[in-house]
Every structure is written in C-alpha cells, then in structure tokens.
Amino acid sequence: MEYIGERISIKKKENETSIVILSSIDKTKKQLLLIWFVLWTLGGVAVFIEYFFIPDHQTRVAIIVWLGFWAYFEYKIYKALIWRLSGVEKIKLRERKLFYKRDVKGRGKIKVYEFDFMKEFRQIESKENSFFENLNNSYWVIAGEKLAFDYYGKEIKFGIQLNDADAKALFKMINNKM
C-alpha cells in the first residue's frame, strides 16, 4: 500500500489501482462538529416547544419560518457530520474505466466513466481570496473538489478538500494510468 499525504491511500494490483481518500483525519474538528450539531438540535427543539406557548399569531408565523431554516441547516450539518465520521471517496482504475463512489458507511452509488470519453482531466486551481472558495473548504461543507474532467458535456468533480500538493500528486498518478 502506498500513501499520498495523510488522507490518500493507493493499492495496486495486476490490472487495477484502488484509491481511497478519507474525508477527514482531524479528531478535534470532528468533535467540534458533533458539539455544534447537538447544540443546534437542542436549540431548535427548544424553539419548537416554545411555539406552543406563544399566543401571538405573527410571532408563531415567524417561528415557523425560522424552524424551516433551522431544519434545512440541521439536515446539512447532519450530512456533513456523517460524512466526516465515516465517509470516504473510493476510486478504482481498471479496464480503461474509472469507478467512483462516495461511500458513507458502505452506502453510495458507484459511477463508471470510460477513459475514452473523459475529456480535459484537470486539477481545479484554488482562488485564495474568494469567498465561495473559502466556504467550500470549510469543515462543515461537503464540497471543494480539487480534480475534475468532462464526461459527455458534464463536469465530474472529485477529491473533496484535498490540499494542493495531494491533489497534484493524485492528478499525476491518475493521468499516468489514463
């Protein structure tokens, strides 16, 4: 087994190369995300319980709107937490095909891409002072892919929140196999 950085492991067999990218290795950030999720949940439950004790109709409507936003972010934080606790990206290169799966606790759909139809395999360059780039690289978001290619006119991205050195090494390795 070969390693690229702290999060990427590569296993080579006769006609197959398997790559696993861990979602996270920082235990402190995982704990903080879990604490945030628990506190966010408790806050929403407290507001929901208070809803039944408020007689004013306009305040009740405002609370329902607030609970809608709360539920959306509860779902997003939950997904990020589960991804950080047990998510991995799995890539297999075999038979001139790239197999890709975002695996969370053994679940996820395998997507197959044939090398012959993959166009412009590239490393996505980071924009250091971009608000959206910083948001995509934040710990509570499942985004910030660093590698991409075009497949039948659609952009396919992977390599979630890899640092530039790891992304470059992975790019080079996959590009050589293609």
N, C-alpha and C. Protein backbone atom coordinates (compact mmCIF):
# COMPACT_ATOMS: atom_id res chain seq x y z
N MET A 1 0.85 -1.18 0.00
CA MET A 1 0.00 0.00 0.00
C MET A 1 0.89 1.24 0.00
N GLU A 2 0.48 2.19 -0.77
CA GLU A 2 1.23 3.44 -0.95
C GLU A 2 0.35 4.59 -0.43
N TYR A 3 0.97 5.64 0.08
CA TYR A 3 0.22 6.77 0.62
C TYR A 3 0.66 8.07 -0.06
N ILE A 4 -0.35 8.91 -0.31
CA ILE A 4 -0.09 10.28 -0.78
C ILE A 4 -0.65 11.18 0.31
N GLY A 5 0.21 11.88 0.99
CA GLY A 5 -0.25 12.73 2.07
C GLY A 5 -0.82 11.91 3.22
N GLU A 6 -1.68 12.53 4.01
CA GLU A 6 -2.26 11.86 5.17
C GLU A 6 -3.60 11.20 4.89
N ARG A 7 -4.27 11.61 3.82
CA ARG A 7 -5.63 11.14 3.59
C ARG A 7 -5.80 10.18 2.42
N ILE A 8 -4.81 10.02 1.55
CA ILE A 8 -4.97 9.22 0.34
C ILE A 8 -4.12 7.96 0.42
N SER A 9 -4.77 6.81 0.21
CA SER A 9 -4.04 5.55 0.14
C SER A 9 -4.29 4.91 -1.23
N ILE A 10 -3.27 4.24 -1.75
CA ILE A 10 -3.33 3.63 -3.08
C ILE A 10 -2.89 2.18 -2.96
N LYS A 11 -3.69 1.31 -3.55
CA LYS A 11 -3.36 -0.11 -3.57
C LYS A 11 -3.36 -0.57 -5.02
N LYS A 12 -2.22 -1.12 -5.44
CA LYS A 12 -2.08 -1.54 -6.84
C LYS A 12 -2.09 -3.06 -6.92
N LYS A 13 -2.89 -3.55 -7.84
CA LYS A 13 -2.92 -4.98 -8.16
C LYS A 13 -2.50 -5.12 -9.61
N GLU A 14 -2.67 -6.32 -10.14
CA GLU A 14 -2.25 -6.60 -11.52
C GLU A 14 -2.85 -5.63 -12.53
N ASN A 15 -4.16 -5.61 -12.64
CA ASN A 15 -4.84 -4.78 -13.64
C ASN A 15 -5.73 -3.72 -13.00
N GLU A 16 -5.47 -3.40 -11.75
CA GLU A 16 -6.37 -2.50 -11.04
C GLU A 16 -5.58 -1.63 -10.07
N THR A 17 -6.00 -0.39 -9.97
CA THR A 17 -5.47 0.53 -8.96
C THR A 17 -6.65 1.05 -8.16
N SER A 18 -6.59 0.87 -6.84
CA SER A 18 -7.64 1.35 -5.95
C SER A 18 -7.12 2.53 -5.14
N ILE A 19 -7.92 3.57 -5.07
CA ILE A 19 -7.55 4.79 -4.34
C ILE A 19 -8.66 5.07 -3.33
N VAL A 20 -8.26 5.34 -2.10
CA VAL A 20 -9.22 5.71 -1.06
C VAL A 20 -8.79 7.06 -0.49
N ILE A 21 -9.74 8.00 -0.49
CA ILE A 21 -9.50 9.33 0.07
C ILE A 21 -10.38 9.48 1.30
N LEU A 22 -9.75 9.60 2.46
CA LEU A 22 -10.51 9.77 3.69
C LEU A 22 -11.14 11.16 3.72
N SER A 23 -12.30 11.26 4.37
CA SER A 23 -12.97 12.55 4.43
C SER A 23 -12.31 13.49 5.42
N SER A 24 -11.73 12.93 6.47
CA SER A 24 -11.13 13.78 7.49
C SER A 24 -10.22 12.96 8.40
N ILE A 25 -9.25 13.62 8.99
CA ILE A 25 -8.41 12.96 9.98
C ILE A 25 -8.29 13.78 11.26
N ASP A 26 -8.89 14.96 11.29
CA ASP A 26 -8.77 15.87 12.42
C ASP A 26 -9.86 15.56 13.47
N LYS A 27 -9.47 14.91 14.56
CA LYS A 27 -10.43 14.49 15.60
C LYS A 27 -11.04 15.68 16.34
N THR A 28 -10.27 16.73 16.53
CA THR A 28 -10.78 17.90 17.23
C THR A 28 -11.92 18.55 16.44
N LYS A 29 -11.73 18.68 15.13
CA LYS A 29 -12.78 19.27 14.30
C LYS A 29 -14.02 18.38 14.26
N LYS A 30 -13.82 17.07 14.26
CA LYS A 30 -14.97 16.15 14.30
C LYS A 30 -15.76 16.35 15.58
N GLN A 31 -15.06 16.47 16.70
CA GLN A 31 -15.73 16.67 17.98
C GLN A 31 -16.47 18.01 18.02
N LEU A 32 -15.84 19.04 17.48
CA LEU A 32 -16.50 20.35 17.45
C LEU A 32 -17.74 20.33 16.56
N LEU A 33 -17.67 19.62 15.44
CA LEU A 33 -18.84 19.50 14.56
C LEU A 33 -19.95 18.74 15.26
N LEU A 34 -19.62 17.70 16.01
CA LEU A 34 -20.62 16.94 16.76
C LEU A 34 -21.26 17.82 17.84
N ILE A 35 -20.45 18.60 18.55
CA ILE A 35 -20.99 19.50 19.58
C ILE A 35 -21.91 20.53 18.94
N TRP A 36 -21.47 21.09 17.80
CA TRP A 36 -22.31 22.06 17.09
C TRP A 36 -23.64 21.42 16.71
N PHE A 37 -23.62 20.22 16.19
CA PHE A 37 -24.84 19.53 15.79
C PHE A 37 -25.77 19.32 16.98
N VAL A 38 -25.24 18.87 18.10
CA VAL A 38 -26.05 18.62 19.29
C VAL A 38 -26.67 19.93 19.79
N LEU A 39 -25.86 20.99 19.88
CA LEU A 39 -26.38 22.27 20.35
C LEU A 39 -27.40 22.87 19.38
N TRP A 40 -27.15 22.74 18.10
CA TRP A 40 -28.10 23.22 17.09
C TRP A 40 -29.44 22.48 17.22
N THR A 41 -29.36 21.17 17.43
CA THR A 41 -30.58 20.36 17.60
C THR A 41 -31.33 20.79 18.85
N LEU A 42 -30.63 20.94 19.96
CA LEU A 42 -31.28 21.35 21.21
C LEU A 42 -31.92 22.73 21.08
N GLY A 43 -31.23 23.65 20.41
CA GLY A 43 -31.79 24.99 20.20
C GLY A 43 -33.07 24.94 19.40
N GLY A 44 -33.09 24.15 18.33
CA GLY A 44 -34.29 24.02 17.51
C GLY A 44 -35.44 23.38 18.27
N VAL A 45 -35.15 22.37 19.06
CA VAL A 45 -36.18 21.71 19.86
C VAL A 45 -36.75 22.69 20.88
N ALA A 46 -35.89 23.49 21.50
CA ALA A 46 -36.35 24.48 22.48
C ALA A 46 -37.28 25.51 21.82
N VAL A 47 -36.93 25.99 20.66
CA VAL A 47 -37.78 26.96 19.95
C VAL A 47 -39.10 26.30 19.54
N PHE A 48 -39.04 25.05 19.09
CA PHE A 48 -40.25 24.31 18.70
C PHE A 48 -41.20 24.15 19.89
N ILE A 49 -40.67 23.84 21.06
CA ILE A 49 -41.50 23.69 22.26
C ILE A 49 -42.12 25.03 22.65
N GLU A 50 -41.36 26.10 22.56
CA GLU A 50 -41.87 27.44 22.89
C GLU A 50 -42.99 27.87 21.94
N TYR A 51 -42.98 27.37 20.74
CA TYR A 51 -44.01 27.70 19.75
C TYR A 51 -45.41 27.50 20.32
N PHE A 52 -45.60 26.44 21.08
CA PHE A 52 -46.92 26.10 21.60
C PHE A 52 -47.38 26.99 22.75
N PHE A 53 -46.49 27.79 23.31
CA PHE A 53 -46.83 28.66 24.44
C PHE A 53 -46.96 30.13 24.03
N ILE A 54 -46.85 30.43 22.74
CA ILE A 54 -46.92 31.81 22.27
C ILE A 54 -48.31 32.06 21.69
N PRO A 55 -49.05 33.03 22.24
CA PRO A 55 -50.41 33.29 21.76
C PRO A 55 -50.46 34.16 20.49
N ASP A 56 -49.46 34.98 20.26
CA ASP A 56 -49.46 35.92 19.14
C ASP A 56 -49.29 35.19 17.80
N HIS A 57 -50.22 35.41 16.87
CA HIS A 57 -50.21 34.71 15.58
C HIS A 57 -48.99 35.09 14.73
N GLN A 58 -48.64 36.37 14.68
CA GLN A 58 -47.50 36.80 13.86
C GLN A 58 -46.18 36.22 14.38
N THR A 59 -46.04 36.12 15.66
CA THR A 59 -44.83 35.53 16.24
C THR A 59 -44.77 34.04 15.90
N ARG A 60 -45.91 33.37 15.91
CA ARG A 60 -45.95 31.94 15.56
C ARG A 60 -45.54 31.74 14.09
N VAL A 61 -45.98 32.62 13.22
CA VAL A 61 -45.60 32.52 11.81
C VAL A 61 -44.09 32.73 11.66
N ALA A 62 -43.55 33.71 12.36
CA ALA A 62 -42.11 33.97 12.32
C ALA A 62 -41.33 32.75 12.82
N ILE A 63 -41.83 32.09 13.86
CA ILE A 63 -41.15 30.91 14.40
C ILE A 63 -41.22 29.76 13.40
N ILE A 64 -42.33 29.62 12.71
CA ILE A 64 -42.43 28.55 11.70
C ILE A 64 -41.42 28.79 10.58
N VAL A 65 -41.27 30.04 10.15
CA VAL A 65 -40.28 30.37 9.12
C VAL A 65 -38.88 30.07 9.64
N TRP A 66 -38.61 30.48 10.88
CA TRP A 66 -37.31 30.22 11.48
C TRP A 66 -37.04 28.72 11.57
N LEU A 67 -38.05 27.95 11.96
CA LEU A 67 -37.88 26.50 12.06
C LEU A 67 -37.62 25.86 10.69
N GLY A 68 -38.14 26.46 9.63
CA GLY A 68 -37.85 25.97 8.28
C GLY A 68 -36.37 26.11 7.96
N PHE A 69 -35.81 27.29 8.25
CA PHE A 69 -34.37 27.50 8.06
C PHE A 69 -33.56 26.59 8.98
N TRP A 70 -34.03 26.47 10.22
CA TRP A 70 -33.33 25.61 11.18
C TRP A 70 -33.28 24.17 10.67
N ALA A 71 -34.40 23.66 10.16
CA ALA A 71 -34.46 22.27 9.68
C ALA A 71 -33.52 22.07 8.49
N TYR A 72 -33.45 23.04 7.60
CA TYR A 72 -32.55 22.93 6.46
C TYR A 72 -31.10 22.79 6.92
N PHE A 73 -30.69 23.66 7.84
CA PHE A 73 -29.30 23.61 8.31
C PHE A 73 -29.06 22.40 9.23
N GLU A 74 -30.08 21.92 9.91
CA GLU A 74 -29.96 20.69 10.68
C GLU A 74 -29.61 19.53 9.75
N TYR A 75 -30.30 19.47 8.63
CA TYR A 75 -30.04 18.42 7.64
C TYR A 75 -28.62 18.55 7.07
N LYS A 76 -28.21 19.77 6.72
CA LYS A 76 -26.88 19.98 6.15
C LYS A 76 -25.77 19.63 7.15
N ILE A 77 -25.95 20.01 8.40
CA ILE A 77 -24.95 19.69 9.42
C ILE A 77 -24.91 18.18 9.65
N TYR A 78 -26.07 17.54 9.68
CA TYR A 78 -26.13 16.09 9.86
C TYR A 78 -25.37 15.36 8.75
N LYS A 79 -25.62 15.77 7.50
CA LYS A 79 -24.93 15.14 6.37
C LYS A 79 -23.42 15.35 6.47
N ALA A 80 -22.99 16.55 6.82
CA ALA A 80 -21.56 16.83 6.96
C ALA A 80 -20.96 16.02 8.10
N LEU A 81 -21.68 15.89 9.20
CA LEU A 81 -21.19 15.12 10.34
C LEU A 81 -21.02 13.65 9.97
N ILE A 82 -22.01 13.07 9.33
CA ILE A 82 -21.93 11.66 8.93
C ILE A 82 -20.79 11.47 7.93
N TRP A 83 -20.63 12.43 6.98
CA TRP A 83 -19.54 12.34 6.01
C TRP A 83 -18.19 12.39 6.72
N ARG A 84 -18.03 13.30 7.67
CA ARG A 84 -16.76 13.44 8.37
C ARG A 84 -16.46 12.24 9.26
N LEU A 85 -17.49 11.61 9.82
CA LEU A 85 -17.27 10.47 10.71
C LEU A 85 -16.96 9.18 9.95
N SER A 86 -17.62 8.97 8.80
CA SER A 86 -17.45 7.66 8.14
C SER A 86 -17.41 7.72 6.62
N GLY A 87 -17.21 8.88 6.05
CA GLY A 87 -17.20 9.00 4.59
C GLY A 87 -15.83 8.83 3.98
N VAL A 88 -15.78 8.21 2.81
CA VAL A 88 -14.56 8.09 2.02
C VAL A 88 -14.92 8.19 0.54
N GLU A 89 -13.97 8.65 -0.24
CA GLU A 89 -14.11 8.61 -1.69
C GLU A 89 -13.32 7.40 -2.17
N LYS A 90 -13.96 6.55 -2.96
CA LYS A 90 -13.28 5.37 -3.49
C LYS A 90 -13.19 5.49 -5.00
N ILE A 91 -12.00 5.29 -5.51
CA ILE A 91 -11.75 5.36 -6.95
C ILE A 91 -11.02 4.09 -7.36
N LYS A 92 -11.51 3.46 -8.42
CA LYS A 92 -10.81 2.30 -8.97
C LYS A 92 -10.55 2.56 -10.45
N LEU A 93 -9.35 2.25 -10.86
CA LEU A 93 -8.96 2.36 -12.27
C LEU A 93 -8.73 0.94 -12.77
N ARG A 94 -9.59 0.52 -13.72
CA ARG A 94 -9.50 -0.85 -14.22
C ARG A 94 -10.18 -0.92 -15.58
N GLU A 95 -9.61 -1.69 -16.47
CA GLU A 95 -10.19 -1.94 -17.80
C GLU A 95 -10.53 -0.65 -18.53
N ARG A 96 -9.63 0.32 -18.48
CA ARG A 96 -9.80 1.62 -19.14
C ARG A 96 -11.07 2.34 -18.67
N LYS A 97 -11.39 2.15 -17.38
CA LYS A 97 -12.54 2.81 -16.78
C LYS A 97 -12.16 3.34 -15.41
N LEU A 98 -12.84 4.42 -15.02
CA LEU A 98 -12.69 4.98 -13.69
C LEU A 98 -14.00 4.73 -12.95
N PHE A 99 -13.94 4.03 -11.82
CA PHE A 99 -15.10 3.76 -10.99
C PHE A 99 -15.00 4.69 -9.79
N TYR A 100 -16.06 5.45 -9.52
CA TYR A 100 -16.03 6.44 -8.44
C TYR A 100 -17.24 6.24 -7.53
N LYS A 101 -16.96 6.30 -6.22
CA LYS A 101 -18.03 6.14 -5.24
C LYS A 101 -17.75 7.02 -4.03
N ARG A 102 -18.76 7.79 -3.62
CA ARG A 102 -18.71 8.49 -2.34
C ARG A 102 -19.37 7.55 -1.34
N ASP A 103 -18.56 6.94 -0.53
CA ASP A 103 -19.00 5.87 0.36
C ASP A 103 -19.21 6.43 1.77
N VAL A 104 -20.42 6.25 2.30
CA VAL A 104 -20.72 6.62 3.67
C VAL A 104 -21.31 5.39 4.34
N LYS A 105 -20.56 4.82 5.25
CA LYS A 105 -20.98 3.60 5.96
C LYS A 105 -21.35 2.48 5.00
N GLY A 106 -20.58 2.32 3.94
CA GLY A 106 -20.84 1.24 2.98
C GLY A 106 -21.91 1.56 1.96
N ARG A 107 -22.49 2.74 2.03
CA ARG A 107 -23.54 3.13 1.09
C ARG A 107 -23.00 4.16 0.11
N GLY A 108 -23.58 4.15 -1.04
CA GLY A 108 -23.19 5.09 -2.08
C GLY A 108 -23.30 4.41 -3.43
N LYS A 109 -23.46 5.21 -4.45
CA LYS A 109 -23.63 4.67 -5.79
C LYS A 109 -22.30 4.72 -6.54
N ILE A 110 -21.96 3.62 -7.18
CA ILE A 110 -20.74 3.56 -7.99
C ILE A 110 -21.06 4.15 -9.36
N LYS A 111 -20.26 5.10 -9.77
CA LYS A 111 -20.41 5.70 -11.09
C LYS A 111 -19.22 5.27 -11.94
N VAL A 112 -19.49 4.90 -13.18
CA VAL A 112 -18.45 4.37 -14.07
C VAL A 112 -18.23 5.36 -15.21
N TYR A 113 -16.95 5.68 -15.44
CA TYR A 113 -16.57 6.60 -16.51
C TYR A 113 -15.50 5.93 -17.37
N GLU A 114 -15.74 5.85 -18.66
CA GLU A 114 -14.78 5.24 -19.58
C GLU A 114 -13.72 6.28 -19.96
N PHE A 115 -12.46 5.85 -19.95
CA PHE A 115 -11.35 6.76 -20.28
C PHE A 115 -11.52 7.40 -21.65
N ASP A 116 -12.06 6.66 -22.62
CA ASP A 116 -12.18 7.16 -23.99
C ASP A 116 -13.08 8.39 -24.10
N PHE A 117 -14.01 8.54 -23.16
CA PHE A 117 -14.96 9.64 -23.23
C PHE A 117 -14.68 10.73 -22.19
N MET A 118 -13.62 10.55 -21.43
CA MET A 118 -13.22 11.57 -20.45
C MET A 118 -12.38 12.63 -21.17
N LYS A 119 -12.77 13.86 -21.06
CA LYS A 119 -12.07 14.96 -21.72
C LYS A 119 -11.54 15.92 -20.67
N GLU A 120 -10.41 16.53 -20.96
CA GLU A 120 -9.82 17.59 -20.14
C GLU A 120 -9.73 17.24 -18.66
N PHE A 121 -9.06 16.15 -18.34
CA PHE A 121 -8.80 15.81 -16.94
C PHE A 121 -7.88 16.89 -16.39
N ARG A 122 -8.27 17.51 -15.27
CA ARG A 122 -7.54 18.68 -14.79
C ARG A 122 -7.61 18.80 -13.27
N GLN A 123 -6.69 19.60 -12.78
CA GLN A 123 -6.68 19.96 -11.37
C GLN A 123 -7.36 21.32 -11.26
N ILE A 124 -8.30 21.46 -10.34
CA ILE A 124 -9.01 22.72 -10.16
C ILE A 124 -8.14 23.63 -9.29
N GLU A 125 -7.83 24.78 -9.82
CA GLU A 125 -6.97 25.73 -9.13
C GLU A 125 -7.75 26.47 -8.05
N SER A 126 -7.12 26.69 -6.91
CA SER A 126 -7.74 27.40 -5.80
C SER A 126 -7.63 28.90 -6.00
N LYS A 127 -8.68 29.61 -5.64
CA LYS A 127 -8.66 31.07 -5.63
C LYS A 127 -8.60 31.48 -4.17
N GLU A 128 -7.46 31.95 -3.73
CA GLU A 128 -7.21 32.17 -2.30
C GLU A 128 -8.14 33.18 -1.64
N ASN A 129 -8.46 34.27 -2.32
CA ASN A 129 -9.26 35.33 -1.70
C ASN A 129 -10.73 35.27 -2.07
N SER A 130 -11.20 34.14 -2.57
CA SER A 130 -12.59 34.01 -2.98
C SER A 130 -13.45 33.58 -1.78
N PHE A 131 -14.57 34.28 -1.59
CA PHE A 131 -15.50 33.94 -0.50
C PHE A 131 -16.03 32.52 -0.68
N PHE A 132 -16.45 32.17 -1.90
CA PHE A 132 -17.04 30.85 -2.14
C PHE A 132 -15.99 29.74 -2.05
N GLU A 133 -14.77 30.02 -2.41
CA GLU A 133 -13.69 29.04 -2.25
C GLU A 133 -13.46 28.75 -0.77
N ASN A 134 -13.44 29.80 0.03
CA ASN A 134 -13.28 29.61 1.48
C ASN A 134 -14.47 28.86 2.08
N LEU A 135 -15.68 29.16 1.61
CA LEU A 135 -16.87 28.46 2.09
C LEU A 135 -16.80 26.98 1.71
N ASN A 136 -16.42 26.68 0.47
CA ASN A 136 -16.33 25.29 0.02
C ASN A 136 -15.25 24.50 0.76
N ASN A 137 -14.26 25.17 1.29
CA ASN A 137 -13.21 24.49 2.03
C ASN A 137 -13.45 24.45 3.53
N SER A 138 -14.59 24.97 3.97
CA SER A 138 -14.89 24.91 5.40
C SER A 138 -15.26 23.49 5.80
N TYR A 139 -15.06 23.18 7.05
CA TYR A 139 -15.16 21.81 7.53
C TYR A 139 -16.60 21.28 7.50
N TRP A 140 -17.58 22.15 7.64
CA TRP A 140 -18.96 21.69 7.73
C TRP A 140 -19.66 21.58 6.37
N VAL A 141 -18.90 21.73 5.29
CA VAL A 141 -19.45 21.64 3.94
C VAL A 141 -18.82 20.45 3.22
N ILE A 142 -19.63 19.72 2.48
CA ILE A 142 -19.11 18.62 1.66
C ILE A 142 -18.95 19.17 0.24
N ALA A 143 -17.84 19.81 0.00
CA ALA A 143 -17.57 20.43 -1.30
C ALA A 143 -16.08 20.72 -1.39
N GLY A 144 -15.69 21.48 -2.38
CA GLY A 144 -14.29 21.85 -2.53
C GLY A 144 -13.48 20.79 -3.24
N GLU A 145 -14.07 20.20 -4.28
CA GLU A 145 -13.37 19.18 -5.05
C GLU A 145 -12.16 19.80 -5.76
N LYS A 146 -11.10 19.03 -5.92
CA LYS A 146 -9.86 19.55 -6.49
C LYS A 146 -9.51 18.96 -7.85
N LEU A 147 -10.17 17.88 -8.27
CA LEU A 147 -9.91 17.28 -9.58
C LEU A 147 -11.21 17.20 -10.35
N ALA A 148 -11.11 17.33 -11.68
CA ALA A 148 -12.32 17.31 -12.50
C ALA A 148 -11.99 16.85 -13.91
N PHE A 149 -13.03 16.39 -14.60
CA PHE A 149 -12.94 16.08 -16.03
C PHE A 149 -14.33 16.25 -16.63
N ASP A 150 -14.37 16.37 -17.94
CA ASP A 150 -15.65 16.48 -18.64
C ASP A 150 -16.01 15.10 -19.17
N TYR A 151 -17.29 14.74 -19.01
CA TYR A 151 -17.77 13.45 -19.45
C TYR A 151 -19.13 13.66 -20.11
N TYR A 152 -19.16 13.52 -21.42
CA TYR A 152 -20.36 13.77 -22.22
C TYR A 152 -20.94 15.16 -21.92
N GLY A 153 -20.08 16.15 -21.84
CA GLY A 153 -20.51 17.54 -21.65
C GLY A 153 -20.81 17.92 -20.21
N LYS A 154 -20.66 16.99 -19.28
CA LYS A 154 -20.94 17.28 -17.87
C LYS A 154 -19.63 17.26 -17.09
N GLU A 155 -19.45 18.23 -16.20
CA GLU A 155 -18.23 18.28 -15.40
C GLU A 155 -18.37 17.35 -14.19
N ILE A 156 -17.43 16.44 -14.06
CA ILE A 156 -17.39 15.49 -12.95
C ILE A 156 -16.24 15.90 -12.04
N LYS A 157 -16.54 16.08 -10.74
CA LYS A 157 -15.53 16.53 -9.79
C LYS A 157 -15.35 15.49 -8.68
N PHE A 158 -14.13 15.41 -8.16
CA PHE A 158 -13.84 14.56 -7.01
C PHE A 158 -12.59 15.05 -6.31
N GLY A 159 -12.22 14.41 -5.22
CA GLY A 159 -11.07 14.86 -4.44
C GLY A 159 -11.47 15.96 -3.48
N ILE A 160 -12.45 15.70 -2.63
CA ILE A 160 -13.03 16.71 -1.76
C ILE A 160 -11.99 17.25 -0.77
N GLN A 161 -11.78 18.55 -0.83
CA GLN A 161 -10.94 19.32 0.09
C GLN A 161 -9.52 18.77 0.25
N LEU A 162 -8.95 18.31 -0.84
CA LEU A 162 -7.55 17.91 -0.82
C LEU A 162 -6.68 19.15 -0.81
N ASN A 163 -5.52 19.06 -0.18
CA ASN A 163 -4.60 20.20 -0.29
C ASN A 163 -3.96 20.15 -1.67
N ASP A 164 -3.32 21.24 -2.07
CA ASP A 164 -2.80 21.35 -3.44
C ASP A 164 -1.74 20.30 -3.76
N ALA A 165 -0.88 19.99 -2.81
CA ALA A 165 0.18 19.00 -3.06
C ALA A 165 -0.41 17.61 -3.27
N ASP A 166 -1.38 17.22 -2.43
CA ASP A 166 -2.01 15.91 -2.59
C ASP A 166 -2.80 15.83 -3.89
N ALA A 167 -3.51 16.91 -4.22
CA ALA A 167 -4.29 16.94 -5.46
C ALA A 167 -3.37 16.80 -6.67
N LYS A 168 -2.23 17.47 -6.63
CA LYS A 168 -1.29 17.41 -7.75
C LYS A 168 -0.72 15.99 -7.89
N ALA A 169 -0.35 15.37 -6.78
CA ALA A 169 0.19 14.00 -6.82
C ALA A 169 -0.85 13.01 -7.31
N LEU A 170 -2.08 13.15 -6.86
CA LEU A 170 -3.16 12.25 -7.29
C LEU A 170 -3.48 12.48 -8.77
N PHE A 171 -3.49 13.74 -9.19
CA PHE A 171 -3.70 14.06 -10.60
C PHE A 171 -2.66 13.38 -11.48
N LYS A 172 -1.41 13.49 -11.07
CA LYS A 172 -0.30 12.93 -11.84
C LYS A 172 -0.45 11.39 -11.94
N MET A 173 -0.78 10.76 -10.83
CA MET A 173 -0.92 9.31 -10.78
C MET A 173 -2.07 8.82 -11.66
N ILE A 174 -3.23 9.46 -11.56
CA ILE A 174 -4.39 9.06 -12.37
C ILE A 174 -4.13 9.35 -13.83
N ASN A 175 -3.54 10.49 -14.12
CA ASN A 175 -3.24 10.86 -15.50
C ASN A 175 -2.31 9.85 -16.16
N ASN A 176 -1.34 9.33 -15.41
CA ASN A 176 -0.43 8.30 -15.95
C ASN A 176 -1.18 7.00 -16.25
N LYS A 177 -2.16 6.67 -15.44
CA LYS A 177 -2.94 5.44 -15.68
C LYS A 177 -3.87 5.57 -16.88
N MET A 178 -4.28 6.79 -17.16
CA MET A 178 -5.20 7.01 -18.29
C MET A 178 -4.41 6.95 -19.59
